[in-house]
Each structure stands twice: as structure tokens, then as C-alpha cells.
All heavy atoms as atom14 arrays in JSON, in Angstrom:
{
  "sequence": "IFVSCPILNSNSRALLQALVDSSFHVRLFSSIAV",
  "atom14_mask": [
    [1, 1, 1, 1, 1, 1, 1, 1, 0, 0, 0, 0, 0, 0],
    [1, 1, 1, 1, 1, 1, 1, 1, 1, 1, 1, 0, 0, 0],
    [1, 1, 1, 1, 1, 1, 1, 0, 0, 0, 0, 0, 0, 0],
    [1, 1, 1, 1, 1, 1, 0, 0, 0, 0, 0, 0, 0, 0],
    [1, 1, 1, 1, 1, 1, 0, 0, 0, 0, 0, 0, 0, 0],
    [1, 1, 1, 1, 1, 1, 1, 0, 0, 0, 0, 0, 0, 0],
    [1, 1, 1, 1, 1, 1, 1, 1, 0, 0, 0, 0, 0, 0],
    [1, 1, 1, 1, 1, 1, 1, 1, 0, 0, 0, 0, 0, 0],
    [1, 1, 1, 1, 1, 1, 1, 1, 0, 0, 0, 0, 0, 0],
    [1, 1, 1, 1, 1, 1, 0, 0, 0, 0, 0, 0, 0, 0],
    [1, 1, 1, 1, 1, 1, 1, 1, 0, 0, 0, 0, 0, 0],
    [1, 1, 1, 1, 1, 1, 0, 0, 0, 0, 0, 0, 0, 0],
    [1, 1, 1, 1, 1, 1, 1, 1, 1, 1, 1, 0, 0, 0],
    [1, 1, 1, 1, 1, 0, 0, 0, 0, 0, 0, 0, 0, 0],
    [1, 1, 1, 1, 1, 1, 1, 1, 0, 0, 0, 0, 0, 0],
    [1, 1, 1, 1, 1, 1, 1, 1, 0, 0, 0, 0, 0, 0],
    [1, 1, 1, 1, 1, 1, 1, 1, 1, 0, 0, 0, 0, 0],
    [1, 1, 1, 1, 1, 0, 0, 0, 0, 0, 0, 0, 0, 0],
    [1, 1, 1, 1, 1, 1, 1, 1, 0, 0, 0, 0, 0, 0],
    [1, 1, 1, 1, 1, 1, 1, 0, 0, 0, 0, 0, 0, 0],
    [1, 1, 1, 1, 1, 1, 1, 1, 0, 0, 0, 0, 0, 0],
    [1, 1, 1, 1, 1, 1, 0, 0, 0, 0, 0, 0, 0, 0],
    [1, 1, 1, 1, 1, 1, 0, 0, 0, 0, 0, 0, 0, 0],
    [1, 1, 1, 1, 1, 1, 1, 1, 1, 1, 1, 0, 0, 0],
    [1, 1, 1, 1, 1, 1, 1, 1, 1, 1, 0, 0, 0, 0],
    [1, 1, 1, 1, 1, 1, 1, 0, 0, 0, 0, 0, 0, 0],
    [1, 1, 1, 1, 1, 1, 1, 1, 1, 1, 1, 0, 0, 0],
    [1, 1, 1, 1, 1, 1, 1, 1, 0, 0, 0, 0, 0, 0],
    [1, 1, 1, 1, 1, 1, 1, 1, 1, 1, 1, 0, 0, 0],
    [1, 1, 1, 1, 1, 1, 0, 0, 0, 0, 0, 0, 0, 0],
    [1, 1, 1, 1, 1, 1, 0, 0, 0, 0, 0, 0, 0, 0],
    [1, 1, 1, 1, 1, 1, 1, 1, 0, 0, 0, 0, 0, 0],
    [1, 1, 1, 1, 1, 0, 0, 0, 0, 0, 0, 0, 0, 0],
    [1, 1, 1, 1, 1, 1, 1, 0, 0, 0, 0, 0, 0, 0]
  ],
  "atom14_positions": [
    [[-22.5, 5.49, 25.51], [-22.08, 5.39, 24.12], [-21.86, 3.92, 23.75], [-21.06, 3.22, 24.4], [-20.81, 6.2, 23.82], [-21.02, 7.67, 24.19], [-20.41, 6.08, 22.36], [-19.81, 8.55, 23.95], [0.0, 0.0, 0.0], [0.0, 0.0, 0.0], [0.0, 0.0, 0.0], [0.0, 0.0, 0.0], [0.0, 0.0, 0.0], [0.0, 0.0, 0.0]],
    [[-22.56, 3.47, 22.74], [-22.42, 2.12, 22.21], [-21.58, 2.2, 20.92], [-22.03, 2.79, 19.93], [-23.78, 1.5, 21.89], [-24.64, 1.27, 23.1], [-25.23, 2.33, 23.79], [-24.89, -0.02, 23.55], [-26.03, 2.11, 24.91], [-25.69, -0.25, 24.65], [-26.25, 0.81, 25.35], [0.0, 0.0, 0.0], [0.0, 0.0, 0.0], [0.0, 0.0, 0.0]],
    [[-20.38, 1.65, 20.93], [-19.49, 1.73, 19.78], [-19.45, 0.38, 19.09], [-19.07, -0.64, 19.66], [-18.06, 2.12, 20.21], [-17.15, 2.17, 18.99], [-18.08, 3.49, 20.9], [0.0, 0.0, 0.0], [0.0, 0.0, 0.0], [0.0, 0.0, 0.0], [0.0, 0.0, 0.0], [0.0, 0.0, 0.0], [0.0, 0.0, 0.0], [0.0, 0.0, 0.0]],
    [[-19.84, 0.37, 17.81], [-19.81, -0.82, 17.0], [-18.61, -0.76, 16.08], [-18.6, -0.04, 15.07], [-21.1, -0.95, 16.16], [-21.03, -2.04, 15.27], [0.0, 0.0, 0.0], [0.0, 0.0, 0.0], [0.0, 0.0, 0.0], [0.0, 0.0, 0.0], [0.0, 0.0, 0.0], [0.0, 0.0, 0.0], [0.0, 0.0, 0.0], [0.0, 0.0, 0.0]],
    [[-17.58, -1.53, 16.4], [-16.33, -1.53, 15.61], [-15.82, -2.96, 15.51], [-15.11, -3.44, 16.38], [-15.3, -0.64, 16.29], [-13.73, -0.54, 15.36], [0.0, 0.0, 0.0], [0.0, 0.0, 0.0], [0.0, 0.0, 0.0], [0.0, 0.0, 0.0], [0.0, 0.0, 0.0], [0.0, 0.0, 0.0], [0.0, 0.0, 0.0], [0.0, 0.0, 0.0]],
    [[-16.15, -3.66, 14.42], [-15.81, -5.08, 14.31], [-14.33, -5.39, 14.43], [-13.94, -6.38, 15.05], [-16.37, -5.46, 12.94], [-17.47, -4.48, 12.72], [-17.0, -3.21, 13.3], [0.0, 0.0, 0.0], [0.0, 0.0, 0.0], [0.0, 0.0, 0.0], [0.0, 0.0, 0.0], [0.0, 0.0, 0.0], [0.0, 0.0, 0.0], [0.0, 0.0, 0.0]],
    [[-13.49, -4.57, 13.81], [-12.04, -4.83, 13.79], [-11.31, -3.58, 14.25], [-11.29, -2.57, 13.55], [-11.58, -5.26, 12.39], [-12.32, -6.55, 11.98], [-10.08, -5.5, 12.38], [-12.0, -7.04, 10.56], [0.0, 0.0, 0.0], [0.0, 0.0, 0.0], [0.0, 0.0, 0.0], [0.0, 0.0, 0.0], [0.0, 0.0, 0.0], [0.0, 0.0, 0.0]],
    [[-10.72, -3.64, 15.42], [-10.05, -2.48, 15.99], [-8.77, -2.15, 15.25], [-8.06, -3.03, 14.74], [-9.72, -2.74, 17.45], [-10.9, -2.89, 18.41], [-10.41, -3.3, 19.79], [-11.69, -1.58, 18.49], [0.0, 0.0, 0.0], [0.0, 0.0, 0.0], [0.0, 0.0, 0.0], [0.0, 0.0, 0.0], [0.0, 0.0, 0.0], [0.0, 0.0, 0.0]],
    [[-8.45, -0.84, 15.18], [-7.17, -0.39, 14.63], [-6.73, 0.82, 15.41], [-7.36, 1.21, 16.4], [-7.3, -0.1, 13.12], [-8.39, 0.91, 12.84], [-8.65, 1.82, 13.61], [-9.06, 0.76, 11.68], [0.0, 0.0, 0.0], [0.0, 0.0, 0.0], [0.0, 0.0, 0.0], [0.0, 0.0, 0.0], [0.0, 0.0, 0.0], [0.0, 0.0, 0.0]],
    [[-5.63, 1.44, 14.98], [-5.1, 2.58, 15.73], [-6.07, 3.74, 15.81], [-6.17, 4.44, 16.84], [-3.77, 3.04, 15.12], [-3.94, 3.4, 13.76], [0.0, 0.0, 0.0], [0.0, 0.0, 0.0], [0.0, 0.0, 0.0], [0.0, 0.0, 0.0], [0.0, 0.0, 0.0], [0.0, 0.0, 0.0], [0.0, 0.0, 0.0], [0.0, 0.0, 0.0]],
    [[-6.83, 3.98, 14.73], [-7.79, 5.09, 14.74], [-8.94, 4.84, 15.7], [-9.33, 5.74, 16.46], [-8.34, 5.31, 13.33], [-7.3, 5.85, 12.38], [-6.37, 6.54, 12.77], [-7.43, 5.49, 11.1], [0.0, 0.0, 0.0], [0.0, 0.0, 0.0], [0.0, 0.0, 0.0], [0.0, 0.0, 0.0], [0.0, 0.0, 0.0], [0.0, 0.0, 0.0]],
    [[-9.49, 3.65, 15.69], [-10.59, 3.35, 16.59], [-10.13, 3.33, 18.05], [-10.87, 3.73, 18.96], [-11.28, 2.02, 16.22], [-10.33, 0.97, 16.2], [0.0, 0.0, 0.0], [0.0, 0.0, 0.0], [0.0, 0.0, 0.0], [0.0, 0.0, 0.0], [0.0, 0.0, 0.0], [0.0, 0.0, 0.0], [0.0, 0.0, 0.0], [0.0, 0.0, 0.0]],
    [[-8.88, 2.86, 18.27], [-8.35, 2.9, 19.63], [-8.2, 4.32, 20.14], [-8.51, 4.62, 21.31], [-6.99, 2.19, 19.7], [-7.08, 0.69, 19.82], [-5.73, 0.1, 20.26], [-4.67, 0.36, 19.33], [-4.44, -0.35, 18.25], [-5.2, -1.41, 17.98], [-3.43, -0.09, 17.43], [0.0, 0.0, 0.0], [0.0, 0.0, 0.0], [0.0, 0.0, 0.0]],
    [[-7.78, 5.22, 19.26], [-7.65, 6.64, 19.65], [-9.01, 7.21, 20.01], [-9.16, 7.98, 20.99], [-7.02, 7.44, 18.54], [0.0, 0.0, 0.0], [0.0, 0.0, 0.0], [0.0, 0.0, 0.0], [0.0, 0.0, 0.0], [0.0, 0.0, 0.0], [0.0, 0.0, 0.0], [0.0, 0.0, 0.0], [0.0, 0.0, 0.0], [0.0, 0.0, 0.0]],
    [[-10.04, 6.88, 19.24], [-11.38, 7.33, 19.53], [-11.84, 6.8, 20.9], [-12.34, 7.57, 21.74], [-12.38, 6.86, 18.46], [-13.85, 6.96, 18.83], [-14.29, 8.41, 18.81], [-14.71, 6.12, 17.88], [0.0, 0.0, 0.0], [0.0, 0.0, 0.0], [0.0, 0.0, 0.0], [0.0, 0.0, 0.0], [0.0, 0.0, 0.0], [0.0, 0.0, 0.0]],
    [[-11.66, 5.52, 21.12], [-12.1, 4.9, 22.37], [-11.37, 5.52, 23.57], [-11.99, 5.8, 24.6], [-11.86, 3.41, 22.33], [-12.74, 2.62, 21.35], [-12.19, 1.2, 21.15], [-14.17, 2.58, 21.84], [0.0, 0.0, 0.0], [0.0, 0.0, 0.0], [0.0, 0.0, 0.0], [0.0, 0.0, 0.0], [0.0, 0.0, 0.0], [0.0, 0.0, 0.0]],
    [[-10.06, 5.76, 23.4], [-9.31, 6.34, 24.51], [-9.81, 7.75, 24.8], [-9.94, 8.14, 25.98], [-7.84, 6.38, 24.15], [-6.92, 6.8, 25.31], [-6.95, 5.8, 26.44], [-6.53, 4.65, 26.28], [-7.47, 6.2, 27.59], [0.0, 0.0, 0.0], [0.0, 0.0, 0.0], [0.0, 0.0, 0.0], [0.0, 0.0, 0.0], [0.0, 0.0, 0.0]],
    [[-10.11, 8.51, 23.77], [-10.61, 9.87, 23.98], [-11.97, 9.85, 24.7], [-12.23, 10.68, 25.56], [-10.75, 10.59, 22.64], [0.0, 0.0, 0.0], [0.0, 0.0, 0.0], [0.0, 0.0, 0.0], [0.0, 0.0, 0.0], [0.0, 0.0, 0.0], [0.0, 0.0, 0.0], [0.0, 0.0, 0.0], [0.0, 0.0, 0.0], [0.0, 0.0, 0.0]],
    [[-12.82, 8.9, 24.33], [-14.13, 8.81, 24.98], [-13.98, 8.42, 26.46], [-14.66, 8.97, 27.32], [-15.01, 7.79, 24.26], [-15.43, 8.15, 22.83], [-16.21, 6.99, 22.21], [-16.29, 9.43, 22.82], [0.0, 0.0, 0.0], [0.0, 0.0, 0.0], [0.0, 0.0, 0.0], [0.0, 0.0, 0.0], [0.0, 0.0, 0.0], [0.0, 0.0, 0.0]],
    [[-13.11, 7.47, 26.73], [-12.86, 7.07, 28.11], [-12.28, 8.21, 28.91], [-12.69, 8.49, 30.05], [-11.93, 5.83, 28.15], [-11.48, 5.53, 29.6], [-12.61, 4.62, 27.56], [0.0, 0.0, 0.0], [0.0, 0.0, 0.0], [0.0, 0.0, 0.0], [0.0, 0.0, 0.0], [0.0, 0.0, 0.0], [0.0, 0.0, 0.0], [0.0, 0.0, 0.0]],
    [[-11.31, 8.91, 28.31], [-10.67, 10.04, 29.01], [-11.68, 11.15, 29.31], [-11.48, 11.96, 30.24], [-9.51, 10.59, 28.18], [-8.34, 9.64, 28.11], [-8.29, 8.69, 28.91], [-7.46, 9.84, 27.23], [0.0, 0.0, 0.0], [0.0, 0.0, 0.0], [0.0, 0.0, 0.0], [0.0, 0.0, 0.0], [0.0, 0.0, 0.0], [0.0, 0.0, 0.0]],
    [[-12.74, 11.22, 28.5], [-13.76, 12.26, 28.72], [-14.89, 11.8, 29.65], [-15.9, 12.49, 29.78], [-14.37, 12.66, 27.37], [-13.36, 13.2, 26.5], [0.0, 0.0, 0.0], [0.0, 0.0, 0.0], [0.0, 0.0, 0.0], [0.0, 0.0, 0.0], [0.0, 0.0, 0.0], [0.0, 0.0, 0.0], [0.0, 0.0, 0.0], [0.0, 0.0, 0.0]],
    [[-14.67, 10.64, 30.26], [-15.57, 10.12, 31.3], [-16.94, 9.68, 30.79], [-17.92, 9.67, 31.53], [-15.74, 11.16, 32.44], [-14.51, 11.45, 33.04], [0.0, 0.0, 0.0], [0.0, 0.0, 0.0], [0.0, 0.0, 0.0], [0.0, 0.0, 0.0], [0.0, 0.0, 0.0], [0.0, 0.0, 0.0], [0.0, 0.0, 0.0], [0.0, 0.0, 0.0]],
    [[-17.01, 9.34, 29.5], [-18.25, 8.75, 29.0], [-18.33, 7.29, 29.41], [-17.31, 6.64, 29.63], [-18.31, 8.85, 27.46], [-18.5, 10.23, 26.94], [-17.48, 10.88, 26.26], [-19.71, 10.89, 27.11], [-17.64, 12.16, 25.77], [-19.9, 12.18, 26.61], [-18.86, 12.82, 25.96], [0.0, 0.0, 0.0], [0.0, 0.0, 0.0], [0.0, 0.0, 0.0]],
    [[-19.55, 6.79, 29.52], [-19.76, 5.39, 29.82], [-19.78, 4.65, 28.48], [-20.77, 4.7, 27.75], [-21.1, 5.21, 30.55], [-21.31, 3.83, 31.09], [-22.54, 3.33, 31.38], [-20.42, 2.84, 31.38], [-22.42, 2.09, 31.83], [-21.15, 1.77, 31.83], [0.0, 0.0, 0.0], [0.0, 0.0, 0.0], [0.0, 0.0, 0.0], [0.0, 0.0, 0.0]],
    [[-18.68, 3.97, 28.14], [-18.49, 3.42, 26.8], [-18.64, 1.9, 26.83], [-18.02, 1.2, 27.61], [-17.1, 3.79, 26.23], [-16.96, 3.26, 24.81], [-16.89, 5.29, 26.29], [0.0, 0.0, 0.0], [0.0, 0.0, 0.0], [0.0, 0.0, 0.0], [0.0, 0.0, 0.0], [0.0, 0.0, 0.0], [0.0, 0.0, 0.0], [0.0, 0.0, 0.0]],
    [[-19.46, 1.43, 25.9], [-19.6, -0.01, 25.66], [-19.05, -0.31, 24.27], [-19.58, 0.19, 23.28], [-21.06, -0.45, 25.74], [-21.67, -0.34, 27.13], [-23.17, -0.59, 27.03], [-23.82, -0.68, 28.34], [-24.23, 0.36, 29.05], [-24.04, 1.59, 28.59], [-24.8, 0.18, 30.22], [0.0, 0.0, 0.0], [0.0, 0.0, 0.0], [0.0, 0.0, 0.0]],
    [[-17.98, -1.09, 24.18], [-17.4, -1.44, 22.89], [-17.92, -2.8, 22.46], [-17.87, -3.78, 23.2], [-15.87, -1.51, 23.01], [-15.15, -2.16, 21.82], [-15.34, -1.35, 20.55], [-13.68, -2.37, 22.12], [0.0, 0.0, 0.0], [0.0, 0.0, 0.0], [0.0, 0.0, 0.0], [0.0, 0.0, 0.0], [0.0, 0.0, 0.0], [0.0, 0.0, 0.0]],
    [[-18.41, -2.85, 21.22], [-18.84, -4.1, 20.59], [-17.88, -4.38, 19.45], [-17.76, -3.57, 18.51], [-20.27, -4.0, 20.1], [-21.27, -3.83, 21.21], [-21.46, -2.59, 21.82], [-21.98, -4.91, 21.69], [-22.37, -2.42, 22.84], [-22.91, -4.75, 22.72], [-23.08, -3.5, 23.32], [0.0, 0.0, 0.0], [0.0, 0.0, 0.0], [0.0, 0.0, 0.0]],
    [[-17.21, -5.5, 19.5], [-16.22, -5.83, 18.49], [-16.15, -7.34, 18.31], [-16.88, -8.1, 18.97], [-14.85, -5.26, 18.9], [-13.92, -5.36, 17.83], [0.0, 0.0, 0.0], [0.0, 0.0, 0.0], [0.0, 0.0, 0.0], [0.0, 0.0, 0.0], [0.0, 0.0, 0.0], [0.0, 0.0, 0.0], [0.0, 0.0, 0.0], [0.0, 0.0, 0.0]],
    [[-15.28, -7.77, 17.41], [-15.09, -9.21, 17.24], [-14.06, -9.69, 18.27], [-14.34, -10.57, 19.09], [-14.62, -9.52, 15.82], [-13.45, -8.77, 15.49], [0.0, 0.0, 0.0], [0.0, 0.0, 0.0], [0.0, 0.0, 0.0], [0.0, 0.0, 0.0], [0.0, 0.0, 0.0], [0.0, 0.0, 0.0], [0.0, 0.0, 0.0], [0.0, 0.0, 0.0]],
    [[-12.88, -9.07, 18.22], [-11.8, -9.43, 19.14], [-11.22, -8.15, 19.7], [-10.88, -7.24, 18.95], [-10.7, -10.25, 18.44], [-11.24, -11.61, 17.98], [-9.5, -10.44, 19.36], [-10.31, -12.4, 17.12], [0.0, 0.0, 0.0], [0.0, 0.0, 0.0], [0.0, 0.0, 0.0], [0.0, 0.0, 0.0], [0.0, 0.0, 0.0], [0.0, 0.0, 0.0]],
    [[-11.11, -8.07, 21.01], [-10.48, -6.94, 21.67], [-9.77, -7.48, 22.91], [-10.4, -8.2, 23.7], [-11.5, -5.88, 22.04], [0.0, 0.0, 0.0], [0.0, 0.0, 0.0], [0.0, 0.0, 0.0], [0.0, 0.0, 0.0], [0.0, 0.0, 0.0], [0.0, 0.0, 0.0], [0.0, 0.0, 0.0], [0.0, 0.0, 0.0], [0.0, 0.0, 0.0]],
    [[-8.51, -7.18, 23.08], [-7.75, -7.77, 24.17], [-6.96, -6.71, 24.93], [-6.66, -5.63, 24.4], [-6.75, -8.84, 23.65], [-7.49, -9.97, 22.96], [-5.73, -8.22, 22.7], [0.0, 0.0, 0.0], [0.0, 0.0, 0.0], [0.0, 0.0, 0.0], [0.0, 0.0, 0.0], [0.0, 0.0, 0.0], [0.0, 0.0, 0.0], [0.0, 0.0, 0.0]]
  ]
}
């Protein structure tokens, strides 16, 4: 899964966490992520 999310927020973090918890291979593309 290639996720294009320029500016992270609580909703996108929840999505990403759910994808990771479901064992998908996730690539996040963003401006700043720490």
C-alpha cells in the first residue's frame, strides 16, 4: 500500500496504524513525518 498524505493528522495516523496492525506492507509518502 502506497499512502500519499502530504500533511499528517489524527485521522491519517489512525488509518496508518490500522494498516500496520493488519500486517500490510505500508509505504507512507508525506512532507514531514517524525
